[in-house]
PDB file of N, CA and C in Angstrom:
ATOM      1  N   GLU A   1     105.487  11.200 350.799  1.00  0.00           N
ATOM      2  CA  GLU A   1     107.154  11.041 350.571  1.00  0.00           C
ATOM      3  C   GLU A   1     107.719  11.253 352.081  1.00  0.00           C
ATOM      4  N   PHE A   2     108.237  10.553 352.578  1.00  0.00           N
ATOM      5  CA  PHE A   2     109.140  10.811 353.763  1.00  0.00           C
ATOM      6  C   PHE A   2     110.735  10.984 352.980  1.00  0.00           C
ATOM      7  N   VAL A   3     111.501  12.107 353.940  1.00  0.00           N
ATOM      8  CA  VAL A   3     113.074  11.687 353.572  1.00  0.00           C
ATOM      9  C   VAL A   3     113.534  12.438 355.119  1.00  0.00           C
ATOM     10  N   PHE A   4     114.015  10.813 355.201  1.00  0.00           N
ATOM     11  CA  PHE A   4     114.947  10.757 356.983  1.00  0.00           C
ATOM     12  C   PHE A   4     116.434  11.076 356.553  1.00  0.00           C
ATOM     13  N   THR A   5     116.965  11.530 357.158  1.00  0.00           N
ATOM     14  CA  THR A   5     118.539  11.294 357.512  1.00  0.00           C
ATOM     15  C   THR A   5     118.745  10.946 358.617  1.00  0.00           C
ATOM     16  N   PRO A   6     120.149  10.420 359.260  1.00  0.00           N
ATOM     17  CA  PRO A   6     120.822  10.218 359.892  1.00  0.00           C
ATOM     18  C   PRO A   6     121.091  11.263 360.896  1.00  0.00           C
ATOM     19  N   SER A   7     120.862  11.369 362.538  1.00  0.00           N
ATOM     20  CA  SER A   7     121.165  12.393 363.450  1.00  0.00           C
ATOM     21  C   SER A   7     121.629  12.261 364.732  1.00  0.00           C
ATOM     22  N   VAL A   8     122.847  11.928 365.161  1.00  0.00           N
ATOM     23  CA  VAL A   8     122.875  11.590 366.450  1.00  0.00           C
ATOM     24  C   VAL A   8     122.123  10.043 367.080  1.00  0.00           C
ATOM     25  N   ASN A   9     122.701   9.304 366.276  1.00  0.00           N
ATOM     26  CA  ASN A   9     121.931   8.141 366.155  1.00  0.00           C
ATOM     27  C   ASN A   9     120.625   7.686 366.668  1.00  0.00           C
ATOM     28  N   ARG A  10     119.905   8.754 365.371  1.00  0.00           N
ATOM     29  CA  ARG A  10     118.646   8.554 365.778  1.00  0.00           C
ATOM     30  C   ARG A  10     118.126   8.621 363.979  1.00  0.00           C
ATOM     31  N   ALA A  11     117.179   8.751 363.351  1.00  0.00           N
ATOM     32  CA  ALA A  11     116.494   9.273 362.216  1.00  0.00           C
ATOM     33  C   ALA A  11     115.711  10.669 362.366  1.00  0.00           C
ATOM     34  N   VAL A  12     116.072  11.344 361.378  1.00  0.00           N
ATOM     35  CA  VAL A  12     115.114  12.827 361.713  1.00  0.00           C
ATOM     36  C   VAL A  12     114.445  12.447 360.561  1.00  0.00           C
ATOM     37  N   ILE A  13     113.633  13.204 360.250  1.00  0.00           N
ATOM     38  CA  ILE A  13     112.160  13.412 359.681  1.00  0.00           C
ATOM     39  C   ILE A  13     112.752  14.701 358.632  1.00  0.00           C
ATOM     40  N   GLU A  14     113.434  14.603 357.497  1.00  0.00           N
ATOM     41  CA  GLU A  14     114.009  16.132 356.740  1.00  0.00           C
ATOM     42  C   GLU A  14     112.358  16.636 356.285  1.00  0.00           C
ATOM     43  N   GLN A  15     111.976  15.649 355.318  1.00  0.00           N
ATOM     44  CA  GLN A  15     110.815  16.477 354.632  1.00  0.00           C
ATOM     45  C   GLN A  15     109.131  15.007 355.028  1.00  0.00           C
ATOM     46  N   ASP A  16     107.776  15.632 355.047  1.00  0.00           N
ATOM     47  CA  ASP A  16     106.816  15.250 355.183  1.00  0.00           C
ATOM     48  C   ASP A  16     106.077  15.362 354.208  1.00  0.00           C
ATOM     49  N   ILE A  17     105.945  14.889 352.847  1.00  0.00           N
ATOM     50  CA  ILE A  17     105.077  15.602 351.082  1.00  0.00           C
ATOM     51  C   ILE A  17     104.270  14.989 351.272  1.00  0.00           C
ATOM     52  N   ASN A  18     103.637  15.420 350.022  1.00  0.00           N
ATOM     53  CA  ASN A  18     102.217  14.355 349.411  1.00  0.00           C
ATOM     54  C   ASN A  18     102.453  14.965 348.260  1.00  0.00           C
ATOM     55  N   THR A  19     101.712  14.208 347.573  1.00  0.00           N
ATOM     56  CA  THR A  19     101.704  14.248 345.947  1.00  0.00           C
ATOM     57  C   THR A  19     101.316  15.619 345.494  1.00  0.00           C
ATOM     58  N   PHE A  20     100.956  16.699 345.955  1.00  0.00           N
ATOM     59  CA  PHE A  20     100.110  17.851 345.383  1.00  0.00           C
ATOM     60  C   PHE A  20     100.799  18.772 344.592  1.00  0.00           C
ATOM     61  N   LEU A  21     100.719  18.198 343.616  1.00  0.00           N
ATOM     62  CA  LEU A  21     101.411  20.076 342.666  1.00  0.00           C
ATOM     63  C   LEU A  21     100.721  21.047 341.982  1.00  0.00           C
ATOM     64  N   SER A  22      99.462  21.046 341.699  1.00  0.00           N
ATOM     65  CA  SER A  22      98.162  22.179 341.266  1.00  0.00           C
ATOM     66  C   SER A  22      98.042  22.813 341.989  1.00  0.00           C
ATOM     67  N   TYR A  23      99.385  23.757 342.413  1.00  0.00           N
ATOM     68  CA  TYR A  23      99.185  24.894 342.563  1.00  0.00           C
ATOM     69  C   TYR A  23      98.300  26.003 342.145  1.00  0.00           C
ATOM     70  N   THR A  24      97.307  26.282 343.066  1.00  0.00           N
ATOM     71  CA  THR A  24      97.013  28.181 342.256  1.00  0.00           C
ATOM     72  C   THR A  24      96.678  28.873 343.198  1.00  0.00           C
ATOM     73  N   PRO A  25      96.707  30.119 342.816  1.00  0.00           N
ATOM     74  CA  PRO A  25      96.976  30.890 343.982  1.00  0.00           C
ATOM     75  C   PRO A  25      95.833  31.223 344.899  1.00  0.00           C
ATOM     76  N   LYS A  26      94.838  29.430 345.031  1.00  0.00           N
ATOM     77  CA  LYS A  26      93.914  29.896 346.344  1.00  0.00           C
ATOM     78  C   LYS A  26      94.508  28.477 347.188  1.00  0.00           C
ATOM     79  N   LYS A  27      95.409  27.498 346.219  1.00  0.00           N
ATOM     80  CA  LYS A  27      95.893  26.596 346.562  1.00  0.00           C
ATOM     81  C   LYS A  27      97.206  26.703 346.737  1.00  0.00           C
ATOM     82  N   GLY A  28      97.772  26.948 347.225  1.00  0.00           N
ATOM     83  CA  GLY A  28      99.167  27.250 347.290  1.00  0.00           C
ATOM     84  C   GLY A  28     100.333  25.830 347.449  1.00  0.00           C
ATOM     85  N   LYS A  29     101.487  26.286 347.718  1.00  0.00           N
ATOM     86  CA  LYS A  29     102.560  25.360 347.910  1.00  0.00           C
ATOM     87  C   LYS A  29     102.538  24.242 348.904  1.00  0.00           C
ATOM     88  N   GLN A  30     102.433  25.317 349.717  1.00  0.00           N
ATOM     89  CA  GLN A  30     101.932  24.779 351.592  1.00  0.00           C
ATOM     90  C   GLN A  30     100.957  23.644 351.427  1.00  0.00           C
ATOM     91  N   LEU A  31     100.239  23.789 350.745  1.00  0.00           N
ATOM     92  CA  LEU A  31      99.072  22.128 350.553  1.00  0.00           C
ATOM     93  C   LEU A  31      99.792  21.288 350.217  1.00  0.00           C
ATOM     94  N   GLN A  32     101.205  20.822 350.287  1.00  0.00           N
ATOM     95  CA  GLN A  32     102.205  19.670 349.671  1.00  0.00           C
ATOM     96  C   GLN A  32     102.153  19.038 350.774  1.00  0.00           C
ATOM     97  N   LYS A  33     102.604  19.767 352.227  1.00  0.00           N
ATOM     98  CA  LYS A  33     103.032  19.597 353.270  1.00  0.00           C
ATOM     99  C   LYS A  33     102.034  19.135 353.959  1.00  0.00           C
ATOM    100  N   ASN A  34     102.677  17.583 354.563  1.00  0.00           N
ATOM    101  CA  ASN A  34     101.362  17.190 355.284  1.00  0.00           C
ATOM    102  C   ASN A  34     101.449  17.211 356.890  1.00  0.00           C
ATOM    103  N   ARG A  35     102.230  17.813 357.232  1.00  0.00           N
ATOM    104  CA  ARG A  35     101.726  18.705 358.700  1.00  0.00           C
ATOM    105  C   ARG A  35     101.139  19.726 358.743  1.00  0.00           C
ATOM    106  N   VAL A  36     101.215  20.426 357.376  1.00  0.00           N
ATOM    107  CA  VAL A  36      99.757  21.550 357.290  1.00  0.00           C
ATOM    108  C   VAL A  36      98.441  20.948 356.840  1.00  0.00           C
ATOM    109  N   LEU A  37      98.124  19.729 356.076  1.00  0.00           N
ATOM    110  CA  LEU A  37      97.123  19.294 355.633  1.00  0.00           C
ATOM    111  C   LEU A  37      96.596  18.446 357.503  1.00  0.00           C
ATOM    112  N   ARG A  38      97.194  18.037 357.958  1.00  0.00           N
ATOM    113  CA  ARG A  38      96.834  17.051 358.565  1.00  0.00           C
ATOM    114  C   ARG A  38      95.698  18.057 360.046  1.00  0.00           C
ATOM    115  N   VAL A  39      96.905  19.512 360.243  1.00  0.00           N
ATOM    116  CA  VAL A  39      96.345  20.558 360.988  1.00  0.00           C
ATOM    117  C   VAL A  39      94.871  21.001 360.513  1.00  0.00           C
ATOM    118  N   LEU A  40      94.438  21.295 359.317  1.00  0.00           N
ATOM    119  CA  LEU A  40      93.213  21.579 358.199  1.00  0.00           C
ATOM    120  C   LEU A  40      92.736  20.401 358.673  1.00  0.00           C
ATOM    121  N   ASP A  41      92.700  18.878 358.274  1.00  0.00           N
ATOM    122  CA  ASP A  41      92.255  17.821 358.292  1.00  0.00           C
ATOM    123  C   ASP A  41      91.651  17.952 360.170  1.00  0.00           C
ATOM    124  N   GLY A  42      92.476  18.332 361.030  1.00  0.00           N
ATOM    125  CA  GLY A  42      92.634  17.829 362.277  1.00  0.00           C
ATOM    126  C   GLY A  42      91.243  19.098 363.051  1.00  0.00           C
ATOM    127  N   ILE A  43      91.228  19.963 362.094  1.00  0.00           N
ATOM    128  CA  ILE A  43      90.232  21.742 362.498  1.00  0.00           C
ATOM    129  C   ILE A  43      89.055  20.442 362.492  1.00  0.00           C
ATOM    130  N   ALA A  44      88.960  20.509 360.673  1.00  0.00           N
ATOM    131  CA  ALA A  44      87.768  20.194 360.174  1.00  0.00           C
ATOM    132  C   ALA A  44      86.475  19.026 360.722  1.00  0.00           C
ATOM    133  N   ASN A  45      87.502  17.389 361.026  1.00  0.00           N
ATOM    134  CA  ASN A  45      87.029  17.137 361.415  1.00  0.00           C
ATOM    135  C   ASN A  45      86.470  17.206 363.194  1.00  0.00           C
ATOM    136  N   ASP A  46      87.263  18.206 364.498  1.00  0.00           N
ATOM    137  CA  ASP A  46      86.921  18.873 365.593  1.00  0.00           C
ATOM    138  C   ASP A  46      85.771  19.667 365.426  1.00  0.00           C
ATOM    139  N   LEU A  47      85.896  20.172 364.450  1.00  0.00           N
ATOM    140  CA  LEU A  47      84.880  21.037 364.247  1.00  0.00           C
ATOM    141  C   LEU A  47      83.249  20.411 363.799  1.00  0.00           C
ATOM    142  N   LYS A  48      83.846  19.329 363.128  1.00  0.00           N
ATOM    143  CA  LYS A  48      81.914  18.866 362.363  1.00  0.00           C
ATOM    144  C   LYS A  48      82.531  17.568 363.688  1.00  0.00           C
ATOM    145  N   ARG A  49      82.596  17.107 365.156  1.00  0.00           N
ATOM    146  CA  ARG A  49      82.435  16.849 365.967  1.00  0.00           C
ATOM    147  C   ARG A  49      81.750  17.400 367.439  1.00  0.00           C
ATOM    148  N   ILE A  50      82.251  18.424 367.442  1.00  0.00           N
ATOM    149  CA  ILE A  50      81.739  19.625 368.243  1.00  0.00           C
ATOM    150  C   ILE A  50      79.846  19.878 367.638  1.00  0.00           C
ATOM    151  N   PHE A  51      80.412  20.230 366.510  1.00  0.00           N
ATOM    152  CA  PHE A  51      78.615  20.523 366.048  1.00  0.00           C
ATOM    153  C   PHE A  51      77.888  19.409 366.150  1.00  0.00           C
ATOM    154  N   GLU A  52      77.555  18.125 366.176  1.00  0.00           N
ATOM    155  CA  GLU A  52      77.440  16.977 366.046  1.00  0.00           C
ATOM    156  C   GLU A  52      77.214  17.025 367.382  1.00  0.00           C
ATOM    157  N   SER A  53      77.996  16.721 367.945  1.00  0.00           N
ATOM    158  CA  SER A  53      77.569  16.363 369.345  1.00  0.00           C
ATOM    159  C   SER A  53      76.786  17.228 370.838  1.00  0.00           C
ATOM    160  N   PHE A  54      76.818  18.767 370.259  1.00  0.00           N
ATOM    161  CA  PHE A  54      76.421  19.372 370.615  1.00  0.00           C
ATOM    162  C   PHE A  54      75.439  21.083 370.240  1.00  0.00           C
ATOM    163  N   TYR A  55      75.386  20.740 368.878  1.00  0.00           N
ATOM    164  CA  TYR A  55      74.313  21.443 368.516  1.00  0.00           C
ATOM    165  C   TYR A  55      73.470  20.972 367.617  1.00  0.00           C
ATOM    166  N   ILE A  56      73.823  20.095 366.513  1.00  0.00           N
ATOM    167  CA  ILE A  56      72.443  19.467 366.006  1.00  0.00           C
ATOM    168  C   ILE A  56      71.288  19.466 366.340  1.00  0.00           C
ATOM    169  N   GLY A  57      69.902  19.625 366.357  1.00  0.00           N
ATOM    170  CA  GLY A  57      68.933  19.277 366.660  1.00  0.00           C
ATOM    171  C   GLY A  57      68.980  19.934 367.984  1.00  0.00           C
ATOM    172  N   LYS A  58      70.050  21.153 369.114  1.00  0.00           N
ATOM    173  CA  LYS A  58      69.415  20.996 369.826  1.00  0.00           C
ATOM    174  C   LYS A  58      69.586  22.716 370.227  1.00  0.00           C
ATOM    175  N   VAL A  59      70.163  23.356 369.239  1.00  0.00           N
ATOM    176  CA  VAL A  59      70.794  24.218 369.325  1.00  0.00           C
ATOM    177  C   VAL A  59      69.622  25.183 368.382  1.00  0.00           C
ATOM    178  N   SER A  60      69.079  26.537 368.706  1.00  0.00           N
ATOM    179  CA  SER A  60      68.291  26.949 367.471  1.00  0.00           C
ATOM    180  C   SER A  60      69.412  27.897 366.475  1.00  0.00           C
ATOM    181  N   ASN A  61      68.831  28.033 365.755  1.00  0.00           N
ATOM    182  CA  ASN A  61      69.959  28.621 364.268  1.00  0.00           C
ATOM    183  C   ASN A  61      69.366  29.796 364.219  1.00  0.00           C
ATOM    184  N   ASN A  62      69.749  30.656 365.067  1.00  0.00           N
ATOM    185  CA  ASN A  62      69.602  32.164 364.811  1.00  0.00           C
ATOM    186  C   ASN A  62      70.649  32.341 365.760  1.00  0.00           C
ATOM    187  N   VAL A  63      70.462  34.155 365.175  1.00  0.00           N
ATOM    188  CA  VAL A  63      71.937  34.883 366.049  1.00  0.00           C
ATOM    189  C   VAL A  63      72.507  34.206 366.998  1.00  0.00           C
ATOM    190  N   ASP A  64      71.652  33.780 367.956  1.00  0.00           N
ATOM    191  CA  ASP A  64      72.939  33.544 369.200  1.00  0.00           C
ATOM    192  C   ASP A  64      72.610  32.216 368.985  1.00  0.00           C
ATOM    193  N   GLY A  65      72.274  31.047 368.978  1.00  0.00           N
ATOM    194  CA  GLY A  65      72.829  29.743 368.148  1.00  0.00           C
ATOM    195  C   GLY A  65      73.884  29.664 367.693  1.00  0.00           C
ATOM    196  N   ARG A  66      74.196  30.893 366.374  1.00  0.00           N
ATOM    197  CA  ARG A  66      75.629  30.743 365.478  1.00  0.00           C
ATOM    198  C   ARG A  66      76.902  31.346 366.164  1.00  0.00           C
ATOM    199  N   ALA A  67      76.160  33.054 367.269  1.00  0.00           N
ATOM    200  CA  ALA A  67      77.384  33.079 368.092  1.00  0.00           C
ATOM    201  C   ALA A  67      77.687  32.044 369.380  1.00  0.00           C
ATOM    202  N   LEU A  68      76.634  31.275 369.435  1.00  0.00           N
ATOM    203  CA  LEU A  68      77.120  30.096 370.697  1.00  0.00           C
ATOM    204  C   LEU A  68      78.637  29.441 370.111  1.00  0.00           C
ATOM    205  N   PHE A  69      77.948  28.886 368.809  1.00  0.00           N
ATOM    206  CA  PHE A  69      79.033  27.709 367.942  1.00  0.00           C
ATOM    207  C   PHE A  69      80.400  28.732 367.115  1.00  0.00           C
ATOM    208  N   ARG A  70      79.576  29.842 366.797  1.00  0.00           N
ATOM    209  CA  ARG A  70      81.002  30.496 366.982  1.00  0.00           C
ATOM    210  C   ARG A  70      81.963  30.663 367.732  1.00  0.00           C
ATOM    211  N   LYS A  71      81.247  31.275 369.152  1.00  0.00           N
ATOM    212  CA  LYS A  71      82.488  31.259 370.611  1.00  0.00           C
ATOM    213  C   LYS A  71      82.922  30.170 370.264  1.00  0.00           C
ATOM    214  N   GLU A  72      82.876  29.213 370.655  1.00  0.00           N
ATOM    215  CA  GLU A  72      82.948  27.630 370.576  1.00  0.00           C
ATOM    216  C   GLU A  72      84.560  27.178 369.800  1.00  0.00           C
ATOM    217  N   ALA A  73      83.894  27.689 368.552  1.00  0.00           N
ATOM    218  CA  ALA A  73      85.002  27.165 367.539  1.00  0.00           C
ATOM    219  C   ALA A  73      86.038  28.405 367.751  1.00  0.00           C
ATOM    220  N   VAL A  74      86.159  29.455 368.326  1.00  0.00           N
ATOM    221  CA  VAL A  74      87.117  30.255 368.599  1.00  0.00           C
ATOM    222  C   VAL A  74      87.848  29.517 369.207  1.00  0.00           C
ATOM    223  N   ILE A  75      87.118  29.134 370.908  1.00  0.00           N
ATOM    224  CA  ILE A  75      88.178  28.918 371.683  1.00  0.00           C
ATOM    225  C   ILE A  75      89.059  27.882 371.603  1.00  0.00           C
ATOM    226  N   TYR A  76      88.285  26.954 370.329  1.00  0.00           N
ATOM    227  CA  TYR A  76      88.989  25.383 370.358  1.00  0.00           C
ATOM    228  C   TYR A  76      90.291  26.054 369.137  1.00  0.00           C
ATOM    229  N   LEU A  77      90.081  27.088 367.880  1.00  0.00           N
ATOM    230  CA  LEU A  77      91.287  28.006 367.349  1.00  0.00           C
ATOM    231  C   LEU A  77      92.305  28.122 368.492  1.00  0.00           C
ATOM    232  N   ASP A  78      91.771  29.423 369.242  1.00  0.00           N
ATOM    233  CA  ASP A  78      92.810  29.831 370.523  1.00  0.00           C
ATOM    234  C   ASP A  78      93.167  28.651 370.499  1.00  0.00           C
ATOM    235  N   SER A  79      93.275  27.460 371.272  1.00  0.00           N
ATOM    236  CA  SER A  79      93.396  26.783 371.647  1.00  0.00           C
ATOM    237  C   SER A  79      94.807  26.004 370.612  1.00  0.00           C
ATOM    238  N   LEU A  80      94.542  25.905 369.321  1.00  0.00           N
ATOM    239  CA  LEU A  80      95.385  25.007 368.447  1.00  0.00           C
ATOM    240  C   LEU A  80      96.498  26.332 368.221  1.00  0.00           C
ATOM    241  N   GLN A  81      96.265  27.408 368.243  1.00  0.00           N
ATOM    242  CA  GLN A  81      97.398  28.541 368.100  1.00  0.00           C
ATOM    243  C   GLN A  81      98.537  28.487 369.558  1.00  0.00           C
ATOM    244  N   GLY A  82      97.522  28.369 370.349  1.00  0.00           N
ATOM    245  CA  GLY A  82      98.421  27.986 371.753  1.00  0.00           C
ATOM    246  C   GLY A  82      99.484  26.793 372.125  1.00  0.00           C
ATOM    247  N   ILE A  83      99.219  26.311 370.921  1.00  0.00           N
ATOM    248  CA  ILE A  83     100.483  24.999 370.790  1.00  0.00           C
ATOM    249  C   ILE A  83     100.903  24.691 369.670  1.00  0.00           C
ATOM    250  N   ASP A  84     100.767  26.256 368.905  1.00  0.00           N
ATOM    251  CA  ASP A  84     101.383  26.493 367.748  1.00  0.00           C
ATOM    252  C   ASP A  84     101.110  25.282 366.589  1.00  0.00           C
ATOM    253  N   ALA A  85     100.236  25.218 365.976  1.00  0.00           N
ATOM    254  CA  ALA A  85      99.282  24.315 365.574  1.00  0.00           C
ATOM    255  C   ALA A  85      98.919  25.145 364.376  1.00  0.00           C
ATOM    256  N   ILE A  86      98.587  26.365 364.794  1.00  0.00           N
ATOM    257  CA  ILE A  86      98.401  27.440 363.713  1.00  0.00           C
ATOM    258  C   ILE A  86      99.331  28.744 363.911  1.00  0.00           C
ATOM    259  N   GLN A  87      98.900  30.016 363.185  1.00  0.00           N
ATOM    260  CA  GLN A  87      99.238  31.444 363.937  1.00  0.00           C
ATOM    261  C   GLN A  87      98.734  32.274 363.256  1.00  0.00           C
ATOM    262  N   ASN A  88      98.624  33.168 364.143  1.00  0.00           N
ATOM    263  CA  ASN A  88      98.160  35.001 363.300  1.00  0.00           C
ATOM    264  C   ASN A  88      96.731  34.567 363.643  1.00  0.00           C
ATOM    265  N   PHE A  89      96.294  33.865 364.484  1.00  0.00           N
ATOM    266  CA  PHE A  89      94.710  33.569 364.176  1.00  0.00           C
ATOM    267  C   PHE A  89      94.436  34.762 365.286  1.00  0.00           C
ATOM    268  N   ASP A  90      92.983  35.727 364.977  1.00  0.00           N
ATOM    269  CA  ASP A  90      92.346  36.911 364.882  1.00  0.00           C
ATOM    270  C   ASP A  90      90.979  36.259 365.475  1.00  0.00           C
ATOM    271  N   ALA A  91      90.781  36.374 366.339  1.00  0.00           N
ATOM    272  CA  ALA A  91      89.679  35.689 366.735  1.00  0.00           C
ATOM    273  C   ALA A  91      88.161  36.622 366.456  1.00  0.00           C
ATOM    274  N   GLN A  92      88.352  37.916 366.140  1.00  0.00           N
ATOM    275  CA  GLN A  92      87.755  39.231 365.641  1.00  0.00           C
ATOM    276  C   GLN A  92      87.301  39.200 364.128  1.00  0.00           C
ATOM    277  N   THR A  93      88.188  38.581 363.476  1.00  0.00           N
ATOM    278  CA  THR A  93      88.123  38.551 361.785  1.00  0.00           C
ATOM    279  C   THR A  93      88.269  37.576 361.273  1.00  0.00           C
ATOM    280  N   ASP A  94      88.728  36.481 361.529  1.00  0.00           N
ATOM    281  CA  ASP A  94      89.190  35.157 360.857  1.00  0.00           C
ATOM    282  C   ASP A  94      88.278  34.124 361.181  1.00  0.00           C
ATOM    283  N   ILE A  95      87.396  34.361 361.693  1.00  0.00           N
ATOM    284  CA  ILE A  95      86.019  33.149 361.808  1.00  0.00           C
ATOM    285  C   ILE A  95      84.882  34.186 362.029  1.00  0.00           C
ATOM    286  N   THR A  96      83.726  33.123 360.917  1.00  0.00           N
ATOM    287  CA  THR A  96      82.130  33.938 360.624  1.00  0.00           C
ATOM    288  C   THR A  96      81.751  32.686 360.354  1.00  0.00           C
ATOM    289  N   VAL A  97      80.017  32.851 361.007  1.00  0.00           N
ATOM    290  CA  VAL A  97      79.675  31.708 361.064  1.00  0.00           C
ATOM    291  C   VAL A  97      78.126  32.508 360.659  1.00  0.00           C
ATOM    292  N   LEU A  98      77.741  32.119 359.520  1.00  0.00           N
ATOM    293  CA  LEU A  98      76.706  32.704 358.394  1.00  0.00           C
ATOM    294  C   LEU A  98      75.211  31.936 358.533  1.00  0.00           C
ATOM    295  N   PRO A  99      74.119  32.374 358.328  1.00  0.00           N
ATOM    296  CA  PRO A  99      72.366  31.806 358.318  1.00  0.00           C
ATOM    297  C   PRO A  99      73.336  30.472 357.596  1.00  0.00           C
ATOM    298  N   GLY A 100      73.218  29.437 356.584  1.00  0.00           N
ATOM    299  CA  GLY A 100      72.610  28.536 355.579  1.00  0.00           C
ATOM    300  C   GLY A 100      72.319  28.963 354.366  1.00  0.00           C
ATOM    301  N   VAL A 101      71.913  28.660 353.063  1.00  0.00           N
ATOM    302  CA  VAL A 101      70.661  28.553 352.527  1.00  0.00           C
ATOM    303  C   VAL A 101      69.753  27.836 353.547  1.00  0.00           C
ATOM    304  N   ASP A 102      69.646  26.693 353.524  1.00  0.00           N
ATOM    305  CA  ASP A 102      68.698  26.112 354.281  1.00  0.00           C
ATOM    306  C   ASP A 102      68.589  26.574 355.478  1.00  0.00           C
ATOM    307  N   SER A 103      67.092  26.674 356.023  1.00  0.00           N
ATOM    308  CA  SER A 103      66.853  27.194 357.656  1.00  0.00           C
ATOM    309  C   SER A 103      67.546  26.564 358.855  1.00  0.00           C
ATOM    310  N   ASP A 104      68.023  25.325 357.889  1.00  0.00           N
ATOM    311  CA  ASP A 104      68.561  24.628 359.322  1.00  0.00           C
ATOM    312  C   ASP A 104      69.785  24.159 359.016  1.00  0.00           C
ATOM    313  N   ALA A 105      70.723  25.356 358.112  1.00  0.00           N
ATOM    314  CA  ALA A 105      71.758  25.306 358.103  1.00  0.00           C
ATOM    315  C   ALA A 105      72.687  26.522 358.120  1.00  0.00           C
ATOM    316  N   ILE A 106      74.128  26.010 359.022  1.00  0.00           N
ATOM    317  CA  ILE A 106      74.468  27.117 358.961  1.00  0.00           C
ATOM    318  C   ILE A 106      75.847  26.846 358.036  1.00  0.00           C
ATOM    319  N   TYR A 107      76.601  28.598 357.712  1.00  0.00           N
ATOM    320  CA  TYR A 107      77.952  28.493 357.036  1.00  0.00           C
ATOM    321  C   TYR A 107      78.782  29.491 357.649  1.00  0.00           C
ATOM    322  N   VAL A 108      80.547  28.672 357.716  1.00  0.00           N
ATOM    323  CA  VAL A 108      81.247  28.814 358.267  1.00  0.00           C
ATOM    324  C   VAL A 108      82.350  29.456 357.424  1.00  0.00           C
ATOM    325  N   GLU A 109      83.271  30.508 357.908  1.00  0.00           N
ATOM    326  CA  GLU A 109      84.226  30.490 357.426  1.00  0.00           C
ATOM    327  C   GLU A 109      85.322  31.198 358.031  1.00  0.00           C
ATOM    328  N   ALA A 110      86.615  30.229 357.697  1.00  0.00           N
ATOM    329  CA  ALA A 110      87.714  30.890 359.062  1.00  0.00           C
ATOM    330  C   ALA A 110      88.636  30.358 357.816  1.00  0.00           C
ATOM    331  N   ASN A 111      89.692  31.754 358.522  1.00  0.00           N
ATOM    332  CA  ASN A 111      90.875  32.083 357.624  1.00  0.00           C
ATOM    333  C   ASN A 111      91.823  31.598 358.881  1.00  0.00           C
ATOM    334  N   ILE A 112      92.894  30.352 358.279  1.00  0.00           N
ATOM    335  CA  ILE A 112      93.455  30.017 359.005  1.00  0.00           C
ATOM    336  C   ILE A 112      94.986  29.068 358.305  1.00  0.00           C
ATOM    337  N   GLN A 113      95.909  29.509 359.201  1.00  0.00           N
ATOM    338  CA  GLN A 113      97.426  29.567 358.771  1.00  0.00           C
ATOM    339  C   GLN A 113      98.200  28.902 359.633  1.00  0.00           C
ATOM    340  N   PRO A 114      98.420  27.281 359.310  1.00  0.00           N
ATOM    341  CA  PRO A 114      98.771  26.428 360.072  1.00  0.00           C
ATOM    342  C   PRO A 114     100.751  26.879 360.055  1.00  0.00           C
ATOM    343  N   VAL A 115     100.960  26.188 360.790  1.00  0.00           N
ATOM    344  CA  VAL A 115     102.151  26.304 361.536  1.00  0.00           C
ATOM    345  C   VAL A 115     102.862  25.338 360.323  1.00  0.00           C
ATOM    346  N   ASP A 116     104.129  25.390 359.620  1.00  0.00           N
ATOM    347  CA  ASP A 116     104.762  24.817 359.131  1.00  0.00           C
ATOM    348  C   ASP A 116     106.335  24.194 359.639  1.00  0.00           C
ATOM    349  N   SER A 117     107.212  23.172 359.490  1.00  0.00           N
ATOM    350  CA  SER A 117     107.920  23.482 360.514  1.00  0.00           C
ATOM    351  C   SER A 117     109.488  23.705 359.184  1.00  0.00           C
ATOM    352  N   ILE A 118     110.526  23.717 360.040  1.00  0.00           N
ATOM    353  CA  ILE A 118     111.507  24.109 360.064  1.00  0.00           C
ATOM    354  C   ILE A 118     112.382  23.000 358.973  1.00  0.00           C
ATOM    355  N   GLU A 119     112.356  23.430 357.571  1.00  0.00           N
ATOM    356  CA  GLU A 119     113.162  22.214 357.131  1.00  0.00           C
ATOM    357  C   GLU A 119     114.487  22.791 356.413  1.00  0.00           C
ATOM    358  N   LYS A 120     114.663  23.915 355.636  1.00  0.00           N
ATOM    359  CA  LYS A 120     115.631  24.597 355.243  1.00  0.00           C
ATOM    360  C   LYS A 120     116.631  25.183 355.852  1.00  0.00           C
ATOM    361  N   VAL A 121     117.769  25.726 355.873  1.00  0.00           N
ATOM    362  CA  VAL A 121     118.670  27.103 356.091  1.00  0.00           C
ATOM    363  C   VAL A 121     119.210  27.767 355.699  1.00  0.00           C
ATOM    364  N   TYR A 122     119.576  28.642 355.492  1.00  0.00           N
ATOM    365  CA  TYR A 122     119.970  29.358 353.818  1.00  0.00           C
ATOM    366  C   TYR A 122     120.852  30.165 355.214  1.00  0.00           C
ATOM    367  N   MET A 123     122.163  30.120 353.979  1.00  0.00           N
ATOM    368  CA  MET A 123     122.797  31.240 355.511  1.00  0.00           C
ATOM    369  C   MET A 123     124.030  31.894 354.649  1.00  0.00           C
ATOM    370  N   LYS A 124     124.157  33.408 354.724  1.00  0.00           N
ATOM    371  CA  LYS A 124     125.321  34.090 354.566  1.00  0.00           C
ATOM    372  C   LYS A 124     126.359  34.243 355.795  1.00  0.00           C
ATOM    373  N   VAL A 125     127.914  33.409 355.374  1.00  0.00           N
ATOM    374  CA  VAL A 125     128.706  33.648 355.972  1.00  0.00           C
ATOM    375  C   VAL A 125     129.633  34.533 355.589  1.00  0.00           C
ATOM    376  N   GLN A 126     130.689  35.296 356.107  1.00  0.00           N
ATOM    377  CA  GLN A 126     131.661  36.261 355.886  1.00  0.00           C
ATOM    378  C   GLN A 126     132.556  35.879 356.448  1.00  0.00           C
ATOM    379  N   VAL A 127     133.115  36.087 355.371  1.00  0.00           N
ATOM    380  CA  VAL A 127     134.879  35.738 355.979  1.00  0.00           C
ATOM    381  C   VAL A 127     135.742  36.695 355.919  1.00  0.00           C
ATOM    382  N   ARG A 128     136.546  36.305 356.795  1.00  0.00           N
ATOM    383  CA  ARG A 128     137.654  37.566 357.194  1.00  0.00           C
ATOM    384  C   ARG A 128     138.875  37.533 356.834  1.00  0.00           C
TER     385      ARG A 128
END
């Protein structure tokens, strides 16, 4: 759903939301926002592309190989933070690359906070 309003001879997108309404403590209201979903989908797609292009069948699944993938993921996530796509990313604590269940698998956990758009303003005005 898009909500447009006129502003200075142009249309402005007020909201860009989807139909997600099944909020839980792990799946909060922010997942209703398409900007947030585009960032999360972009991260998944880009890390998959990096993994497929440079790691599958080429890098050993050992401490050094996993550290190499982690370092590349950190560089990528830092670049997203630099363009305000994500915020509060801490490379020391927010991404972990572990061995997977199978000997040829890795498991990645990432704590990501996408940046949303300003869509509302609340004001307190004191009249004198």
